[in-house]
Amino acid sequence: MRTKNQEREAERLRLAREVEAFTAGGGTIEKAEPGRANPMNEDRHNSFLFLANKVRRARRAKP
């Protein structure tokens, strides 16, 4: 049985691979507009989870 940390790490690696595959395939991930992101949230905006959610949204938006 896997611990919570192992599960989180496995999920993070899976999402990292998903983001890599998306960007390698020519997908672009929009950066937050300057001034919109709170500097305190800067790491959140660069986290794998945040990027992966942007990838999912970008994929959904495509026709």
N, C-alpha and C. Protein backbone atom coordinates (compact mmCIF):
# COMPACT_ATOMS: atom_id res chain seq x y z
N MET A 1 0.85 -1.19 0.00
CA MET A 1 0.00 0.00 0.00
C MET A 1 0.89 1.25 0.00
N ARG A 2 0.50 2.23 -0.78
CA ARG A 2 1.30 3.45 -0.90
C ARG A 2 0.87 4.47 0.14
N THR A 3 1.84 5.21 0.61
CA THR A 3 1.54 6.28 1.56
C THR A 3 1.04 7.50 0.79
N LYS A 4 0.50 8.45 1.53
CA LYS A 4 0.00 9.69 0.90
C LYS A 4 1.11 10.40 0.14
N ASN A 5 2.31 10.46 0.74
CA ASN A 5 3.41 11.15 0.08
C ASN A 5 3.80 10.46 -1.22
N GLN A 6 3.81 9.13 -1.22
CA GLN A 6 4.13 8.39 -2.44
C GLN A 6 3.07 8.63 -3.50
N GLU A 7 1.81 8.68 -3.08
CA GLU A 7 0.72 8.95 -4.02
C GLU A 7 0.85 10.34 -4.61
N ARG A 8 1.15 11.32 -3.75
CA ARG A 8 1.31 12.70 -4.23
C ARG A 8 2.48 12.80 -5.21
N GLU A 9 3.58 12.13 -4.87
CA GLU A 9 4.76 12.17 -5.74
C GLU A 9 4.46 11.50 -7.08
N ALA A 10 3.76 10.38 -7.05
CA ALA A 10 3.39 9.69 -8.29
C ALA A 10 2.49 10.58 -9.14
N GLU A 11 1.54 11.25 -8.51
CA GLU A 11 0.63 12.15 -9.23
C GLU A 11 1.41 13.33 -9.81
N ARG A 12 2.35 13.89 -9.02
CA ARG A 12 3.16 15.00 -9.50
C ARG A 12 3.99 14.60 -10.72
N LEU A 13 4.58 13.41 -10.67
CA LEU A 13 5.38 12.94 -11.80
C LEU A 13 4.50 12.70 -13.03
N ARG A 14 3.31 12.14 -12.82
CA ARG A 14 2.40 11.89 -13.93
C ARG A 14 1.99 13.22 -14.58
N LEU A 15 1.68 14.21 -13.74
CA LEU A 15 1.29 15.52 -14.26
C LEU A 15 2.47 16.20 -14.96
N ALA A 16 3.66 16.02 -14.42
CA ALA A 16 4.85 16.62 -15.05
C ALA A 16 5.04 16.03 -16.44
N ARG A 17 4.86 14.71 -16.57
CA ARG A 17 4.98 14.06 -17.89
C ARG A 17 3.89 14.57 -18.83
N GLU A 18 2.69 14.76 -18.30
CA GLU A 18 1.58 15.26 -19.12
C GLU A 18 1.87 16.67 -19.64
N VAL A 19 2.40 17.52 -18.76
CA VAL A 19 2.75 18.89 -19.15
C VAL A 19 3.86 18.87 -20.19
N GLU A 20 4.88 18.03 -19.96
CA GLU A 20 5.99 17.92 -20.92
C GLU A 20 5.49 17.47 -22.28
N ALA A 21 4.62 16.46 -22.29
CA ALA A 21 4.09 15.95 -23.56
C ALA A 21 3.28 17.02 -24.28
N PHE A 22 2.51 17.78 -23.52
CA PHE A 22 1.67 18.82 -24.12
C PHE A 22 2.54 19.91 -24.75
N THR A 23 3.56 20.37 -24.01
CA THR A 23 4.40 21.45 -24.55
C THR A 23 5.28 20.93 -25.67
N ALA A 24 5.72 19.68 -25.60
CA ALA A 24 6.54 19.10 -26.67
C ALA A 24 5.73 18.97 -27.94
N GLY A 25 4.43 18.76 -27.79
CA GLY A 25 3.55 18.61 -28.95
C GLY A 25 3.13 19.94 -29.55
N GLY A 26 3.74 21.02 -29.10
CA GLY A 26 3.43 22.33 -29.68
C GLY A 26 2.38 23.10 -28.91
N GLY A 27 1.89 22.55 -27.81
CA GLY A 27 0.89 23.26 -27.01
C GLY A 27 1.54 24.40 -26.25
N THR A 28 0.81 25.47 -26.05
CA THR A 28 1.36 26.59 -25.28
C THR A 28 0.53 26.77 -24.02
N ILE A 29 1.21 27.14 -22.96
CA ILE A 29 0.54 27.40 -21.69
C ILE A 29 0.63 28.90 -21.45
N GLU A 30 -0.52 29.54 -21.32
CA GLU A 30 -0.54 31.00 -21.13
C GLU A 30 0.05 31.36 -19.78
N LYS A 31 0.83 32.41 -19.77
CA LYS A 31 1.35 32.95 -18.50
C LYS A 31 0.29 33.88 -17.92
N ALA A 32 0.30 34.02 -16.61
CA ALA A 32 -0.64 34.95 -15.98
C ALA A 32 -0.31 36.37 -16.46
N GLU A 33 -1.34 37.16 -16.63
CA GLU A 33 -1.11 38.54 -17.07
C GLU A 33 -0.35 39.29 -15.98
N PRO A 34 0.58 40.17 -16.38
CA PRO A 34 1.33 40.91 -15.36
C PRO A 34 0.37 41.74 -14.50
N GLY A 35 0.59 41.71 -13.21
CA GLY A 35 -0.25 42.48 -12.31
C GLY A 35 -1.46 41.73 -11.81
N ARG A 36 -1.85 40.66 -12.50
CA ARG A 36 -3.03 39.92 -12.06
C ARG A 36 -2.69 38.94 -10.95
N ALA A 37 -1.53 38.29 -11.08
CA ALA A 37 -1.17 37.27 -10.09
C ALA A 37 -0.60 37.94 -8.84
N ASN A 38 -1.06 37.49 -7.72
CA ASN A 38 -0.52 37.95 -6.45
C ASN A 38 0.90 37.37 -6.32
N PRO A 39 1.91 38.20 -6.06
CA PRO A 39 3.28 37.67 -5.96
C PRO A 39 3.40 36.57 -4.91
N MET A 40 2.53 36.60 -3.91
CA MET A 40 2.58 35.55 -2.88
C MET A 40 2.15 34.21 -3.46
N ASN A 41 1.41 34.24 -4.54
CA ASN A 41 0.94 33.00 -5.16
C ASN A 41 1.83 32.57 -6.31
N GLU A 42 2.98 33.20 -6.44
CA GLU A 42 3.83 32.95 -7.61
C GLU A 42 4.19 31.47 -7.75
N ASP A 43 4.53 30.81 -6.62
CA ASP A 43 4.91 29.39 -6.74
C ASP A 43 3.70 28.56 -7.16
N ARG A 44 2.52 28.95 -6.69
CA ARG A 44 1.33 28.19 -7.09
C ARG A 44 1.14 28.29 -8.60
N HIS A 45 1.42 29.46 -9.16
CA HIS A 45 1.21 29.64 -10.59
C HIS A 45 2.21 28.85 -11.41
N ASN A 46 3.32 28.47 -10.79
CA ASN A 46 4.32 27.72 -11.52
C ASN A 46 4.33 26.24 -11.14
N SER A 47 3.42 25.85 -10.26
CA SER A 47 3.43 24.46 -9.80
C SER A 47 2.92 23.53 -10.89
N PHE A 48 3.29 22.27 -10.77
CA PHE A 48 2.86 21.27 -11.75
C PHE A 48 1.34 21.15 -11.80
N LEU A 49 0.71 21.19 -10.62
CA LEU A 49 -0.74 21.07 -10.60
C LEU A 49 -1.40 22.20 -11.36
N PHE A 50 -0.90 23.41 -11.13
CA PHE A 50 -1.46 24.57 -11.80
C PHE A 50 -1.26 24.47 -13.30
N LEU A 51 -0.04 24.07 -13.72
CA LEU A 51 0.24 23.90 -15.15
C LEU A 51 -0.64 22.81 -15.75
N ALA A 52 -0.78 21.71 -15.02
CA ALA A 52 -1.58 20.60 -15.53
C ALA A 52 -3.03 21.02 -15.71
N ASN A 53 -3.55 21.83 -14.78
CA ASN A 53 -4.92 22.32 -14.94
C ASN A 53 -5.04 23.22 -16.15
N LYS A 54 -4.01 24.04 -16.39
CA LYS A 54 -4.03 24.89 -17.58
C LYS A 54 -4.00 24.04 -18.85
N VAL A 55 -3.22 22.96 -18.81
CA VAL A 55 -3.15 22.05 -19.96
C VAL A 55 -4.53 21.46 -20.21
N ARG A 56 -5.18 21.00 -19.15
CA ARG A 56 -6.52 20.41 -19.32
C ARG A 56 -7.49 21.42 -19.91
N ARG A 57 -7.45 22.67 -19.40
CA ARG A 57 -8.35 23.70 -19.92
C ARG A 57 -8.04 23.99 -21.38
N ALA A 58 -6.76 24.05 -21.72
CA ALA A 58 -6.36 24.33 -23.11
C ALA A 58 -6.83 23.21 -24.02
N ARG A 59 -6.72 21.98 -23.56
CA ARG A 59 -7.17 20.85 -24.38
C ARG A 59 -8.67 20.89 -24.59
N ARG A 60 -9.41 21.24 -23.52
CA ARG A 60 -10.87 21.30 -23.62
C ARG A 60 -11.32 22.39 -24.57
N ALA A 61 -10.59 23.50 -24.58
CA ALA A 61 -11.00 24.65 -25.39
C ALA A 61 -10.82 24.40 -26.89
N LYS A 62 -9.90 23.49 -27.24
CA LYS A 62 -9.67 23.23 -28.66
C LYS A 62 -10.86 22.52 -29.28
N PRO A 63 -11.21 22.86 -30.52
CA PRO A 63 -12.36 22.21 -31.17
C PRO A 63 -12.04 20.77 -31.57
